[in-house]
PDB file of N, CA and C in Angstrom:
ATOM      1  N   MET A   1       1.031  -1.134   0.299  1.00  0.00           N
ATOM      2  CA  MET A   1      -0.022  -0.290  -0.327  1.00  0.00           C
ATOM      3  C   MET A   1       1.221   1.681   0.105  1.00  0.00           C
ATOM      4  N   ARG A   2       0.016   2.290  -0.849  1.00  0.00           N
ATOM      5  CA  ARG A   2       1.226   3.653  -0.895  1.00  0.00           C
ATOM      6  C   ARG A   2       0.333   4.669   0.274  1.00  0.00           C
ATOM      7  N   LYS A   3       2.144   5.970   1.054  1.00  0.00           N
ATOM      8  CA  LYS A   3       1.237   5.575   1.345  1.00  0.00           C
ATOM      9  C   LYS A   3       0.386   7.370   1.354  1.00  0.00           C
ATOM     10  N   PHE A   4       0.107   7.852   1.177  1.00  0.00           N
ATOM     11  CA  PHE A   4      -0.381   9.280   1.380  1.00  0.00           C
ATOM     12  C   PHE A   4       0.706  10.503   1.578  1.00  0.00           C
ATOM     13  N   LYS A   5       0.216  11.317   0.202  1.00  0.00           N
ATOM     14  CA  LYS A   5       1.538  11.943   0.220  1.00  0.00           C
ATOM     15  C   LYS A   5       1.376  13.217   0.500  1.00  0.00           C
ATOM     16  N   ARG A   6       1.456  14.408   1.234  1.00  0.00           N
ATOM     17  CA  ARG A   6       1.273  15.678   1.806  1.00  0.00           C
ATOM     18  C   ARG A   6       1.743  16.547   0.327  1.00  0.00           C
ATOM     19  N   TYR A   7       0.824  16.516  -0.943  1.00  0.00           N
ATOM     20  CA  TYR A   7       0.281  18.272  -1.412  1.00  0.00           C
ATOM     21  C   TYR A   7       0.078  19.591  -1.736  1.00  0.00           C
ATOM     22  N   LEU A   8       1.740  19.132  -1.353  1.00  0.00           N
ATOM     23  CA  LEU A   8       2.527  21.150  -1.116  1.00  0.00           C
ATOM     24  C   LEU A   8       1.275  21.930  -1.539  1.00  0.00           C
ATOM     25  N   GLN A   9       1.985  21.833  -3.066  1.00  0.00           N
ATOM     26  CA  GLN A   9       1.087  22.719  -3.527  1.00  0.00           C
ATOM     27  C   GLN A   9      -0.488  22.554  -3.416  1.00  0.00           C
ATOM     28  N   TYR A  10      -1.614  22.023  -3.639  1.00  0.00           N
ATOM     29  CA  TYR A  10      -2.497  22.058  -3.850  1.00  0.00           C
ATOM     30  C   TYR A  10      -3.473  21.338  -1.842  1.00  0.00           C
ATOM     31  N   ARG A  11      -3.312  22.729  -1.120  1.00  0.00           N
ATOM     32  CA  ARG A  11      -3.778  22.871  -0.249  1.00  0.00           C
ATOM     33  C   ARG A  11      -4.963  21.963   0.122  1.00  0.00           C
ATOM     34  N   LEU A  12      -6.285  21.640  -0.975  1.00  0.00           N
ATOM     35  CA  LEU A  12      -6.701  21.592  -1.034  1.00  0.00           C
ATOM     36  C   LEU A  12      -7.893  20.050  -0.755  1.00  0.00           C
ATOM     37  N   TRP A  13      -5.723  19.268  -1.381  1.00  0.00           N
ATOM     38  CA  TRP A  13      -5.289  17.722  -1.654  1.00  0.00           C
ATOM     39  C   TRP A  13      -4.627  17.431  -0.062  1.00  0.00           C
ATOM     40  N   ASP A  14      -4.846  18.078   0.638  1.00  0.00           N
ATOM     41  CA  ASP A  14      -3.507  17.734   2.033  1.00  0.00           C
ATOM     42  C   ASP A  14      -4.631  16.729   2.197  1.00  0.00           C
ATOM     43  N   GLY A  15      -3.150  15.193   2.378  1.00  0.00           N
ATOM     44  CA  GLY A  15      -3.674  14.292   3.216  1.00  0.00           C
ATOM     45  C   GLY A  15      -4.960  13.142   2.746  1.00  0.00           C
ATOM     46  N   SER A  16      -4.884  13.554   1.204  1.00  0.00           N
ATOM     47  CA  SER A  16      -5.942  12.892   0.231  1.00  0.00           C
ATOM     48  C   SER A  16      -4.648  11.812  -0.705  1.00  0.00           C
ATOM     49  N   ALA A  17      -6.209  11.051  -1.416  1.00  0.00           N
ATOM     50  CA  ALA A  17      -5.626   9.841  -2.020  1.00  0.00           C
ATOM     51  C   ALA A  17      -6.310  10.407  -3.266  1.00  0.00           C
ATOM     52  N   LEU A  18      -4.241   9.849  -4.294  1.00  0.00           N
ATOM     53  CA  LEU A  18      -4.948  10.371  -5.240  1.00  0.00           C
ATOM     54  C   LEU A  18      -5.349   8.732  -6.500  1.00  0.00           C
ATOM     55  N   MET A  19      -5.347   9.295  -7.384  1.00  0.00           N
ATOM     56  CA  MET A  19      -5.675   8.532  -8.545  1.00  0.00           C
ATOM     57  C   MET A  19      -5.999   8.185  -9.672  1.00  0.00           C
ATOM     58  N   GLY A  20      -5.712   6.964 -10.576  1.00  0.00           N
ATOM     59  CA  GLY A  20      -5.587   7.448 -12.238  1.00  0.00           C
ATOM     60  C   GLY A  20      -6.506   6.352 -11.925  1.00  0.00           C
ATOM     61  N   SER A  21      -7.845   6.455 -13.173  1.00  0.00           N
ATOM     62  CA  SER A  21      -9.548   5.001 -12.622  1.00  0.00           C
ATOM     63  C   SER A  21      -8.351   5.192 -15.190  1.00  0.00           C
ATOM     64  N   PHE A  22      -9.097   3.808 -14.313  1.00  0.00           N
ATOM     65  CA  PHE A  22      -8.839   3.192 -16.120  1.00  0.00           C
ATOM     66  C   PHE A  22     -10.344   3.156 -16.875  1.00  0.00           C
ATOM     67  N   ASN A  23     -10.923   3.426 -16.010  1.00  0.00           N
ATOM     68  CA  ASN A  23     -12.951   3.431 -16.692  1.00  0.00           C
ATOM     69  C   ASN A  23     -12.841   4.489 -16.413  1.00  0.00           C
ATOM     70  N   TYR A  24     -13.416   5.269 -16.192  1.00  0.00           N
ATOM     71  CA  TYR A  24     -14.245   6.426 -16.031  1.00  0.00           C
ATOM     72  C   TYR A  24     -12.873   7.379 -16.575  1.00  0.00           C
ATOM     73  N   GLU A  25     -11.634   7.065 -16.986  1.00  0.00           N
ATOM     74  CA  GLU A  25     -10.822   8.422 -17.710  1.00  0.00           C
ATOM     75  C   GLU A  25     -11.033   9.791 -16.460  1.00  0.00           C
ATOM     76  N   ALA A  26     -10.630   9.645 -15.307  1.00  0.00           N
ATOM     77  CA  ALA A  26     -10.561  10.894 -14.845  1.00  0.00           C
ATOM     78  C   ALA A  26      -8.879  10.618 -13.238  1.00  0.00           C
ATOM     79  N   LEU A  27      -8.793  11.556 -12.991  1.00  0.00           N
ATOM     80  CA  LEU A  27      -8.313  11.884 -11.886  1.00  0.00           C
ATOM     81  C   LEU A  27      -9.445  11.448 -10.712  1.00  0.00           C
ATOM     82  N   VAL A  28      -8.402  10.405  -9.627  1.00  0.00           N
ATOM     83  CA  VAL A  28     -10.043  10.388  -8.618  1.00  0.00           C
ATOM     84  C   VAL A  28      -9.268  10.967  -7.407  1.00  0.00           C
ATOM     85  N   VAL A  29      -9.684  12.222  -6.784  1.00  0.00           N
ATOM     86  CA  VAL A  29      -8.896  12.965  -5.690  1.00  0.00           C
ATOM     87  C   VAL A  29     -10.664  12.326  -4.227  1.00  0.00           C
ATOM     88  N   LEU A  30      -9.595  11.511  -3.519  1.00  0.00           N
ATOM     89  CA  LEU A  30      -9.908  11.306  -2.280  1.00  0.00           C
ATOM     90  C   LEU A  30      -9.321  11.058  -1.234  1.00  0.00           C
ATOM     91  N   LYS A  31     -10.804  12.363  -0.609  1.00  0.00           N
ATOM     92  CA  LYS A  31     -10.626  13.127   1.013  1.00  0.00           C
ATOM     93  C   LYS A  31     -10.822  11.632   2.061  1.00  0.00           C
ATOM     94  N   ILE A  32      -9.516  11.744   3.295  1.00  0.00           N
ATOM     95  CA  ILE A  32      -9.666  10.219   3.470  1.00  0.00           C
ATOM     96  C   ILE A  32      -9.818  10.934   4.913  1.00  0.00           C
ATOM     97  N   ALA A  33     -10.526  10.102   5.925  1.00  0.00           N
ATOM     98  CA  ALA A  33     -10.518  11.276   7.780  1.00  0.00           C
ATOM     99  C   ALA A  33      -9.973   9.874   8.253  1.00  0.00           C
ATOM    100  N   ASP A  34      -9.935   9.329   9.516  1.00  0.00           N
ATOM    101  CA  ASP A  34      -9.704   8.350  10.190  1.00  0.00           C
ATOM    102  C   ASP A  34     -10.125   6.810   9.102  1.00  0.00           C
ATOM    103  N   ASN A  35      -9.217   7.416   8.281  1.00  0.00           N
ATOM    104  CA  ASN A  35      -9.031   5.581   7.907  1.00  0.00           C
ATOM    105  C   ASN A  35     -10.685   5.669   7.040  1.00  0.00           C
ATOM    106  N   ASN A  36     -10.670   6.678   6.773  1.00  0.00           N
ATOM    107  CA  ASN A  36     -12.031   6.691   6.008  1.00  0.00           C
ATOM    108  C   ASN A  36     -11.871   7.711   4.911  1.00  0.00           C
ATOM    109  N   VAL A  37     -13.101   7.021   3.551  1.00  0.00           N
ATOM    110  CA  VAL A  37     -12.505   7.793   2.654  1.00  0.00           C
ATOM    111  C   VAL A  37     -13.894   8.072   2.629  1.00  0.00           C
ATOM    112  N   THR A  38     -14.127  10.238   2.431  1.00  0.00           N
ATOM    113  CA  THR A  38     -14.861  11.131   3.351  1.00  0.00           C
ATOM    114  C   THR A  38     -15.891  12.051   1.681  1.00  0.00           C
ATOM    115  N   SER A  39     -14.662  11.395   1.035  1.00  0.00           N
ATOM    116  CA  SER A  39     -15.438  12.230  -0.378  1.00  0.00           C
ATOM    117  C   SER A  39     -14.650  11.696  -1.700  1.00  0.00           C
ATOM    118  N   GLU A  40     -15.273  12.408  -2.420  1.00  0.00           N
ATOM    119  CA  GLU A  40     -14.748  11.117  -3.942  1.00  0.00           C
ATOM    120  C   GLU A  40     -15.082  12.127  -4.867  1.00  0.00           C
ATOM    121  N   LYS A  41     -13.718  12.423  -5.740  1.00  0.00           N
ATOM    122  CA  LYS A  41     -13.944  13.664  -6.874  1.00  0.00           C
ATOM    123  C   LYS A  41     -13.647  13.298  -7.960  1.00  0.00           C
ATOM    124  N   ARG A  42     -14.264  13.459  -9.258  1.00  0.00           N
ATOM    125  CA  ARG A  42     -13.449  12.371 -10.372  1.00  0.00           C
ATOM    126  C   ARG A  42     -13.017  14.183 -11.388  1.00  0.00           C
ATOM    127  N   ILE A  43     -11.905  14.006 -11.365  1.00  0.00           N
ATOM    128  CA  ILE A  43     -11.017  15.243 -12.719  1.00  0.00           C
ATOM    129  C   ILE A  43     -11.489  14.488 -13.961  1.00  0.00           C
ATOM    130  N   TRP A  44     -12.531  14.558 -14.771  1.00  0.00           N
ATOM    131  CA  TRP A  44     -12.660  14.063 -15.756  1.00  0.00           C
ATOM    132  C   TRP A  44     -11.659  14.831 -16.823  1.00  0.00           C
ATOM    133  N   LEU A  45      -9.895  13.788 -17.431  1.00  0.00           N
ATOM    134  CA  LEU A  45      -9.574  14.499 -18.167  1.00  0.00           C
ATOM    135  C   LEU A  45     -10.260  13.683 -20.047  1.00  0.00           C
ATOM    136  N   HIS A  46     -11.008  12.739 -19.686  1.00  0.00           N
ATOM    137  CA  HIS A  46     -10.815  11.345 -21.450  1.00  0.00           C
ATOM    138  C   HIS A  46      -9.547  10.913 -21.833  1.00  0.00           C
ATOM    139  N   ARG A  47      -9.044  10.584 -20.626  1.00  0.00           N
ATOM    140  CA  ARG A  47      -7.870   9.570 -20.923  1.00  0.00           C
ATOM    141  C   ARG A  47      -8.092   8.751 -20.274  1.00  0.00           C
ATOM    142  N   ARG A  48      -7.211   7.530 -20.004  1.00  0.00           N
ATOM    143  CA  ARG A  48      -7.199   6.429 -19.681  1.00  0.00           C
ATOM    144  C   ARG A  48      -5.561   6.867 -18.460  1.00  0.00           C
ATOM    145  N   VAL A  49      -5.196   7.096 -17.513  1.00  0.00           N
ATOM    146  CA  VAL A  49      -4.959   7.394 -16.358  1.00  0.00           C
ATOM    147  C   VAL A  49      -3.668   5.770 -15.776  1.00  0.00           C
ATOM    148  N   ILE A  50      -2.980   6.342 -16.469  1.00  0.00           N
ATOM    149  CA  ILE A  50      -1.841   4.833 -15.727  1.00  0.00           C
ATOM    150  C   ILE A  50      -1.669   4.538 -14.829  1.00  0.00           C
ATOM    151  N   ASP A  51      -1.103   5.825 -14.148  1.00  0.00           N
ATOM    152  CA  ASP A  51       0.274   5.844 -12.928  1.00  0.00           C
ATOM    153  C   ASP A  51       0.051   7.209 -12.725  1.00  0.00           C
ATOM    154  N   VAL A  52      -0.386   7.758 -10.897  1.00  0.00           N
ATOM    155  CA  VAL A  52      -0.392   9.417 -11.263  1.00  0.00           C
ATOM    156  C   VAL A  52       0.594   9.598  -9.812  1.00  0.00           C
ATOM    157  N   ILE A  53       1.564  10.003 -10.113  1.00  0.00           N
ATOM    158  CA  ILE A  53       3.292  10.765  -9.103  1.00  0.00           C
ATOM    159  C   ILE A  53       3.213  12.201  -8.766  1.00  0.00           C
ATOM    160  N   GLN A  54       4.098  12.351  -7.000  1.00  0.00           N
ATOM    161  CA  GLN A  54       3.923  13.321  -6.786  1.00  0.00           C
ATOM    162  C   GLN A  54       5.511  14.328  -7.307  1.00  0.00           C
ATOM    163  N   ALA A  55       6.201  15.330  -8.242  1.00  0.00           N
ATOM    164  CA  ALA A  55       7.009  15.734  -8.261  1.00  0.00           C
ATOM    165  C   ALA A  55       7.492  16.196  -7.466  1.00  0.00           C
ATOM    166  N   ALA A  56       8.626  16.115  -6.837  1.00  0.00           N
ATOM    167  CA  ALA A  56       9.890  16.740  -5.666  1.00  0.00           C
ATOM    168  C   ALA A  56       9.661  18.143  -6.029  1.00  0.00           C
ATOM    169  N   ASP A  57       8.624  18.887  -6.964  1.00  0.00           N
ATOM    170  CA  ASP A  57       8.004  20.128  -5.941  1.00  0.00           C
ATOM    171  C   ASP A  57       6.237  20.558  -5.429  1.00  0.00           C
ATOM    172  N   GLY A  58       6.817  18.696  -6.003  1.00  0.00           N
ATOM    173  CA  GLY A  58       5.071  18.916  -4.817  1.00  0.00           C
ATOM    174  C   GLY A  58       3.877  19.002  -6.429  1.00  0.00           C
ATOM    175  N   ALA A  59       4.218  19.122  -7.851  1.00  0.00           N
ATOM    176  CA  ALA A  59       3.236  18.632  -8.906  1.00  0.00           C
ATOM    177  C   ALA A  59       2.953  18.186  -8.654  1.00  0.00           C
ATOM    178  N   VAL A  60       2.356  16.990  -9.320  1.00  0.00           N
ATOM    179  CA  VAL A  60       0.663  15.837  -9.710  1.00  0.00           C
ATOM    180  C   VAL A  60       1.835  15.954 -11.293  1.00  0.00           C
ATOM    181  N   MET A  61       2.097  14.618 -11.141  1.00  0.00           N
ATOM    182  CA  MET A  61       2.210  14.403 -12.332  1.00  0.00           C
ATOM    183  C   MET A  61       1.173  12.716 -13.048  1.00  0.00           C
ATOM    184  N   ILE A  62       1.020  13.420 -14.401  1.00  0.00           N
ATOM    185  CA  ILE A  62      -0.072  11.679 -14.601  1.00  0.00           C
ATOM    186  C   ILE A  62       0.315  11.552 -15.664  1.00  0.00           C
ATOM    187  N   ILE A  63       0.130   9.704 -15.052  1.00  0.00           N
ATOM    188  CA  ILE A  63       0.550   9.453 -16.661  1.00  0.00           C
ATOM    189  C   ILE A  63      -0.365   8.353 -17.685  1.00  0.00           C
ATOM    190  N   THR A  64      -0.237   8.602 -19.100  1.00  0.00           N
ATOM    191  CA  THR A  64      -2.649   8.329 -19.440  1.00  0.00           C
ATOM    192  C   THR A  64      -1.895   7.246 -20.868  1.00  0.00           C
ATOM    193  N   ASP A  65      -2.094   6.413 -21.401  1.00  0.00           N
ATOM    194  CA  ASP A  65      -2.541   6.015 -22.661  1.00  0.00           C
ATOM    195  C   ASP A  65      -2.946   6.508 -23.415  1.00  0.00           C
ATOM    196  N   TYR A  66      -2.523   7.853 -24.041  1.00  0.00           N
ATOM    197  CA  TYR A  66      -3.071   8.778 -25.156  1.00  0.00           C
ATOM    198  C   TYR A  66      -2.525   8.835 -25.867  1.00  0.00           C
ATOM    199  N   LYS A  67      -2.651   8.176 -27.223  1.00  0.00           N
ATOM    200  CA  LYS A  67      -1.489   7.840 -28.534  1.00  0.00           C
ATOM    201  C   LYS A  67      -0.846   6.532 -27.265  1.00  0.00           C
ATOM    202  N   ASP A  68       0.116   7.866 -27.687  1.00  0.00           N
ATOM    203  CA  ASP A  68       1.384   6.425 -27.816  1.00  0.00           C
ATOM    204  C   ASP A  68       2.195   6.948 -25.968  1.00  0.00           C
ATOM    205  N   GLY A  69       1.011   7.712 -25.049  1.00  0.00           N
ATOM    206  CA  GLY A  69       1.621   7.782 -24.077  1.00  0.00           C
ATOM    207  C   GLY A  69       1.895   9.214 -23.756  1.00  0.00           C
ATOM    208  N   GLU A  70       1.622   9.305 -22.261  1.00  0.00           N
ATOM    209  CA  GLU A  70       1.748  11.062 -22.273  1.00  0.00           C
ATOM    210  C   GLU A  70       1.417  11.527 -20.705  1.00  0.00           C
ATOM    211  N   LEU A  71       3.007  12.867 -20.121  1.00  0.00           N
ATOM    212  CA  LEU A  71       2.657  13.007 -19.081  1.00  0.00           C
ATOM    213  C   LEU A  71       1.869  14.749 -19.292  1.00  0.00           C
ATOM    214  N   ILE A  72       1.165  14.453 -18.254  1.00  0.00           N
ATOM    215  CA  ILE A  72       0.373  15.976 -17.949  1.00  0.00           C
ATOM    216  C   ILE A  72       0.613  16.313 -16.247  1.00  0.00           C
ATOM    217  N   ARG A  73       2.013  16.945 -16.169  1.00  0.00           N
ATOM    218  CA  ARG A  73       2.376  18.700 -14.794  1.00  0.00           C
ATOM    219  C   ARG A  73       0.804  19.262 -14.732  1.00  0.00           C
ATOM    220  N   LEU A  74       0.233  18.733 -13.125  1.00  0.00           N
ATOM    221  CA  LEU A  74      -0.918  20.151 -12.346  1.00  0.00           C
ATOM    222  C   LEU A  74      -0.251  20.545 -11.454  1.00  0.00           C
ATOM    223  N   SER A  75      -0.709  21.549 -11.896  1.00  0.00           N
ATOM    224  CA  SER A  75       0.452  22.340 -10.862  1.00  0.00           C
ATOM    225  C   SER A  75      -0.890  23.584 -10.501  1.00  0.00           C
ATOM    226  N   PRO A  76      -1.333  24.404  -9.543  1.00  0.00           N
ATOM    227  CA  PRO A  76      -2.178  25.733  -9.223  1.00  0.00           C
ATOM    228  C   PRO A  76      -1.664  26.539  -9.628  1.00  0.00           C
ATOM    229  N   THR A  77      -2.249  27.506 -11.033  1.00  0.00           N
ATOM    230  CA  THR A  77      -2.462  28.980 -11.236  1.00  0.00           C
ATOM    231  C   THR A  77      -1.905  29.961 -10.717  1.00  0.00           C
ATOM    232  N   GLY A  78      -3.145  29.515  -9.889  1.00  0.00           N
ATOM    233  CA  GLY A  78      -3.431  30.721  -8.565  1.00  0.00           C
ATOM    234  C   GLY A  78      -3.688  30.499  -6.585  1.00  0.00           C
ATOM    235  N   ASN A  79      -4.102  30.294  -6.095  1.00  0.00           N
ATOM    236  CA  ASN A  79      -4.925  30.259  -4.477  1.00  0.00           C
ATOM    237  C   ASN A  79      -5.357  29.762  -4.432  1.00  0.00           C
ATOM    238  N   PRO A  80      -5.515  28.190  -4.427  1.00  0.00           N
ATOM    239  CA  PRO A  80      -6.565  26.843  -4.614  1.00  0.00           C
ATOM    240  C   PRO A  80      -6.870  27.373  -2.683  1.00  0.00           C
TER     241      PRO A  80
END
């Protein structure tokens, strides 16, 4: 089991689990409290997500299977 990371660039995601979805073609953000999922949000990418990782600077990196593969870097544009 992976440890939950601290998403320093995304205060709203801090303490959440991020995972990809093949079926829904989305990034799934699960809020966790007391070892229970308290909310779920899907961010539609319209691409099957293979993996989600955190870069050293706190940005979220998403690998998809779009065409020959695609790397998407998410970083906030303003104050979340």
